[in-house]
Amino acid sequence: MEVQWVGVEPPRLGPPHTAVGLIVSILLALWPAQALEMFVGKIPFLEAVNGSTVLLPCSYASCIGIKNLYFNWQFNDNGTMQKVCEATIHSEESTPHLSIFRERVEFIGKNHHNTEKKMNNVSILLWNITFEDGGKYTCFGRNPKEKGRNHSAVFTLVVVDELRVVDNTLAKIIGACVGGSLAFLIGFMLIKNFTLYVLAKLEEKNKECLVTSSGIDNTENGLSGSKADTKPTPKKK
């Protein structure tokens, strides 16, 4: 009985340019994901009094520019997203024409350019807010130039009867403790330096006294350099 061996060919790699093309395709697919960014500021929430007018801040930035960028504001009404306004920005130089779907809403955004990347303001104002206006607002953007990827940022508005008075007692206590510690440390360093200075002066004075007393003792004992060492001149015979 003949035994036949069936060989399995190892997989062959394609030409080098295929692998390079695959890597470039992956990088190009991942890079635009971060190209457009939406910002609502460093503090993404605001507490405002009922009846006041508030600013909902939002801006977008794109390192490769925009073309027909679509953006909108949405309000989360108990889980249902309601559109507040929307517009399409054709280019960085164009001014968007908004469609507004809620009352007491005003668009105050405008375009301005940064030296490093273009920053554009798409903020809105809410006039005479009520308790029903409190909640989460989403600033949404989509840039077709970047393969239509979606980007958004959330801003939270809290509506209250009156602003709470912040109790600064703890902050004052901490500040007093820190200030007292610094004052104690500075005072300790001054006293330490003064003490070292006085000790150095006393040590220097003691050395001078020792040298002086040593010279006096040598004179009294008739040592070299004293009067007792003076020999009389021999007489001639």
Protein backbone atom coordinates (compact mmCIF):
# COMPACT_ATOMS: atom_id res chain seq x y z
CA MET A 1 0.00 0.00 0.00
CA GLU A 2 1.47 3.28 -1.09
CA VAL A 3 1.42 6.19 1.29
CA GLN A 4 1.09 9.49 -0.47
CA TRP A 5 2.13 12.71 1.22
CA VAL A 6 0.09 15.72 0.47
CA GLY A 7 2.14 18.89 0.78
CA VAL A 8 0.61 22.17 1.90
CA GLU A 9 2.01 25.25 0.24
CA PRO A 10 2.90 28.03 2.71
CA PRO A 11 0.93 31.24 2.15
CA ARG A 12 2.69 33.69 -0.08
CA LEU A 13 2.87 37.33 0.78
CA GLY A 14 1.78 39.75 -1.84
CA PRO A 15 4.06 42.34 -3.35
CA PRO A 16 5.44 44.95 -0.92
CA HIS A 17 3.31 47.75 -2.32
CA THR A 18 0.16 45.83 -1.29
CA ALA A 19 1.16 45.85 2.39
CA VAL A 20 2.12 49.51 2.20
CA GLY A 21 -1.18 50.35 0.57
CA LEU A 22 -3.06 48.50 3.31
CA ILE A 23 -1.23 50.42 6.07
CA VAL A 24 -1.86 53.75 4.34
CA SER A 25 -5.55 52.89 3.95
CA ILE A 26 -5.85 52.09 7.66
CA LEU A 27 -4.10 55.33 8.66
CA LEU A 28 -6.29 57.37 6.34
CA ALA A 29 -9.37 55.70 7.78
CA LEU A 30 -8.37 56.39 11.37
CA TRP A 31 -6.94 59.91 10.99
CA PRO A 32 -10.14 61.75 9.96
CA ALA A 33 -11.87 60.35 13.02
CA GLN A 34 -10.09 62.98 15.10
CA ALA A 35 -10.01 65.69 12.45
CA LEU A 36 -13.28 67.36 13.51
CA GLU A 37 -13.84 68.20 17.18
CA MET A 38 -16.75 69.83 18.99
CA PHE A 39 -16.13 71.86 22.18
CA VAL A 40 -18.53 73.18 24.82
CA GLY A 41 -15.84 74.72 27.05
CA LYS A 42 -13.80 73.53 30.01
CA ILE A 43 -16.87 73.56 32.30
CA PRO A 44 -19.68 71.68 30.46
CA PHE A 45 -22.52 72.77 32.75
CA LEU A 46 -24.22 75.93 34.00
CA GLU A 47 -26.56 76.77 36.87
CA ALA A 48 -28.84 79.71 36.02
CA VAL A 49 -31.80 81.48 37.60
CA ASN A 50 -35.28 81.02 36.21
CA GLY A 51 -36.12 83.88 33.82
CA SER A 52 -32.53 84.75 32.94
CA THR A 53 -30.77 84.55 29.57
CA VAL A 54 -27.99 81.98 29.19
CA LEU A 55 -25.33 81.14 26.65
CA LEU A 56 -24.92 77.57 25.42
CA PRO A 57 -21.32 77.56 24.14
CA CYS A 58 -20.09 75.38 21.30
CA SER A 59 -17.33 75.60 18.73
CA TYR A 60 -15.81 73.23 16.23
CA ALA A 61 -12.27 72.81 14.95
CA SER A 62 -10.96 70.98 11.92
CA CYS A 63 -7.32 70.61 10.98
CA ILE A 64 -8.12 69.83 7.33
CA GLY A 65 -10.94 72.32 6.80
CA ILE A 66 -14.66 71.83 6.24
CA LYS A 67 -17.03 71.50 3.33
CA ASN A 68 -20.81 71.55 3.82
CA LEU A 69 -20.44 70.90 7.52
CA TYR A 70 -23.78 70.09 9.11
CA PHE A 71 -24.40 70.96 12.76
CA ASN A 72 -27.34 71.17 15.11
CA TRP A 73 -28.33 71.63 18.72
CA GLN A 74 -30.54 69.00 20.35
CA PHE A 75 -32.32 68.94 23.70
CA ASN A 76 -32.81 65.73 25.67
CA ASP A 77 -36.42 65.91 26.81
CA ASN A 78 -36.82 62.90 29.13
CA GLY A 79 -35.01 60.61 26.73
CA THR A 80 -36.45 62.11 23.54
CA MET A 81 -34.02 64.18 21.48
CA GLN A 82 -35.69 67.37 20.26
CA LYS A 83 -33.97 69.48 17.65
CA VAL A 84 -33.39 73.06 18.76
CA CYS A 85 -31.75 74.41 15.60
CA GLU A 86 -29.69 73.25 12.60
CA ALA A 87 -27.65 74.65 9.73
CA THR A 88 -25.10 73.78 7.05
CA ILE A 89 -21.83 75.68 6.78
CA HIS A 90 -20.55 75.47 3.22
CA SER A 91 -17.04 76.79 3.97
CA GLU A 92 -15.03 78.58 6.67
CA GLU A 93 -15.82 81.96 5.13
CA SER A 94 -19.58 81.46 4.82
CA THR A 95 -22.20 82.39 7.41
CA PRO A 96 -24.72 79.65 8.24
CA HIS A 97 -28.46 80.28 7.89
CA LEU A 98 -30.16 78.55 10.78
CA SER A 99 -33.48 76.80 11.01
CA ILE A 100 -34.75 77.33 14.58
CA PHE A 101 -37.36 74.95 16.00
CA ARG A 102 -37.87 76.35 19.51
CA GLU A 103 -38.89 79.71 20.87
CA ARG A 104 -36.51 82.07 22.65
CA VAL A 105 -33.46 80.72 20.79
CA GLU A 106 -30.90 82.99 19.10
CA PHE A 107 -27.82 81.95 17.14
CA ILE A 108 -24.74 84.05 17.99
CA GLY A 109 -22.02 81.98 16.32
CA LYS A 110 -19.47 83.44 13.97
CA ASN A 111 -16.34 82.30 12.16
CA HIS A 112 -12.83 83.33 13.17
CA HIS A 113 -9.50 81.77 12.39
CA ASN A 114 -6.65 80.65 14.57
CA THR A 115 -3.06 80.53 13.31
CA GLU A 116 -2.77 76.80 13.96
CA LYS A 117 -6.25 75.54 13.18
CA LYS A 118 -9.60 77.04 12.30
CA MET A 119 -11.96 77.61 15.23
CA ASN A 120 -15.61 78.42 14.59
CA ASN A 121 -18.28 79.43 17.05
CA VAL A 122 -21.75 77.86 16.79
CA SER A 123 -23.09 78.97 20.19
CA ILE A 124 -26.71 79.87 20.91
CA LEU A 125 -28.58 82.00 23.46
CA LEU A 126 -31.66 80.91 25.38
CA TRP A 127 -33.83 83.88 26.38
CA ASN A 128 -36.02 83.98 29.52
CA ILE A 129 -35.34 80.38 30.47
CA THR A 130 -37.89 78.32 32.39
CA PHE A 131 -37.58 75.17 34.47
CA GLU A 132 -38.60 73.17 31.39
CA ASP A 133 -35.44 74.39 29.65
CA GLY A 134 -33.21 72.59 32.16
CA GLY A 135 -31.47 69.46 30.94
CA LYS A 136 -28.79 68.21 28.55
CA TYR A 137 -28.07 69.97 25.24
CA THR A 138 -26.01 68.26 22.56
CA CYS A 139 -23.96 70.18 20.02
CA PHE A 140 -23.62 67.88 17.01
CA GLY A 141 -21.41 68.16 13.92
CA ARG A 142 -20.73 66.14 10.77
CA ASN A 143 -18.17 67.06 8.09
CA PRO A 144 -18.61 65.27 4.72
CA LYS A 145 -14.99 66.14 3.92
CA GLU A 146 -13.97 63.76 6.69
CA LYS A 147 -16.07 60.83 5.46
CA GLY A 148 -19.12 62.07 7.30
CA ARG A 149 -18.07 61.02 10.77
CA ASN A 150 -20.26 62.24 13.63
CA HIS A 151 -18.95 64.32 16.54
CA SER A 152 -20.79 65.81 19.49
CA ALA A 153 -20.39 67.45 22.89
CA VAL A 154 -22.93 67.71 25.72
CA PHE A 155 -23.69 70.80 27.81
CA THR A 156 -25.91 70.61 30.92
CA LEU A 157 -28.18 73.47 32.00
CA VAL A 158 -29.64 73.54 35.52
CA VAL A 159 -32.45 76.05 36.19
CA VAL A 160 -33.02 77.14 39.81
CA ASP A 161 -35.15 79.64 41.76
CA GLU A 162 -32.08 81.42 43.06
CA LEU A 163 -28.38 80.82 43.05
CA ARG A 164 -27.03 79.05 46.11
CA VAL A 165 -24.71 80.93 48.43
CA VAL A 166 -21.43 79.10 48.49
CA ASP A 167 -20.12 78.44 52.00
CA ASN A 168 -16.47 79.42 52.00
CA THR A 169 -15.86 78.49 55.65
CA LEU A 170 -13.86 75.38 54.81
CA ALA A 171 -11.84 77.25 52.19
CA LYS A 172 -11.10 80.02 54.70
CA ILE A 173 -9.99 77.49 57.32
CA ILE A 174 -7.70 75.77 54.84
CA GLY A 175 -6.32 79.13 53.70
CA ALA A 176 -5.69 80.20 57.29
CA CYS A 177 -3.93 76.91 58.07
CA VAL A 178 -1.75 77.16 54.98
CA GLY A 179 -0.94 80.81 55.69
CA GLY A 180 -0.15 80.05 59.33
CA SER A 181 2.11 77.16 58.33
CA LEU A 182 4.00 79.35 55.88
CA ALA A 183 4.38 82.12 58.47
CA PHE A 184 5.65 79.61 61.04
CA LEU A 185 8.13 78.16 58.54
CA ILE A 186 9.42 81.59 57.57
CA GLY A 187 9.74 82.63 61.25
CA PHE A 188 11.54 79.38 62.08
CA MET A 189 14.03 79.91 59.24
CA LEU A 190 14.71 83.50 60.35
CA ILE A 191 15.29 82.44 63.97
CA LYS A 192 17.51 79.57 62.84
CA ASN A 193 19.64 81.86 60.65
CA PHE A 194 19.91 84.47 63.40
CA THR A 195 20.94 81.80 65.95
CA LEU A 196 23.60 80.42 63.62
CA TYR A 197 24.89 83.96 63.04
CA VAL A 198 25.14 84.66 66.80
CA LEU A 199 26.87 81.32 67.44
CA ALA A 200 29.36 82.00 64.66
CA LYS A 201 30.16 85.42 66.15
CA LEU A 202 30.58 83.94 69.66
CA GLU A 203 32.87 81.23 68.32
CA GLU A 204 34.95 83.84 66.50
CA LYS A 205 35.24 85.92 69.69
CA ASN A 206 36.24 82.86 71.72
CA LYS A 207 39.03 82.10 69.22
CA GLU A 208 40.35 85.68 69.57
CA CYS A 209 40.32 85.37 73.38
CA LEU A 210 42.21 82.07 73.23
CA VAL A 211 44.88 83.55 70.97
CA THR A 212 45.30 86.58 73.26
CA SER A 213 45.49 84.55 76.44
CA SER A 214 47.98 82.16 74.83
CA GLY A 215 50.31 85.10 74.02
CA ILE A 216 50.14 86.37 77.59
CA ASP A 217 50.95 82.94 79.01
CA ASN A 218 53.97 82.62 76.76
CA THR A 219 55.33 85.98 77.94
CA GLU A 220 54.96 85.11 81.60
CA ASN A 221 56.67 81.73 81.21
CA GLY A 222 59.71 83.23 79.47
CA LEU A 223 59.24 81.47 76.21
CA SER A 224 60.76 82.47 72.89
CA GLY A 225 59.68 85.88 71.80
CA SER A 226 59.17 87.18 75.34
CA LYS A 227 61.26 89.60 77.48
CA ALA A 228 62.79 86.72 79.47
CA ASP A 229 64.56 85.56 76.32
CA THR A 230 66.59 88.77 76.04
CA LYS A 231 70.22 87.96 76.81
CA PRO A 232 72.64 90.62 78.17
CA THR A 233 75.48 91.75 75.92
CA PRO A 234 78.75 90.13 76.97
CA LYS A 235 81.39 92.53 78.38
CA LYS A 236 84.80 92.90 76.77
CA LYS A 237 87.71 91.84 78.94
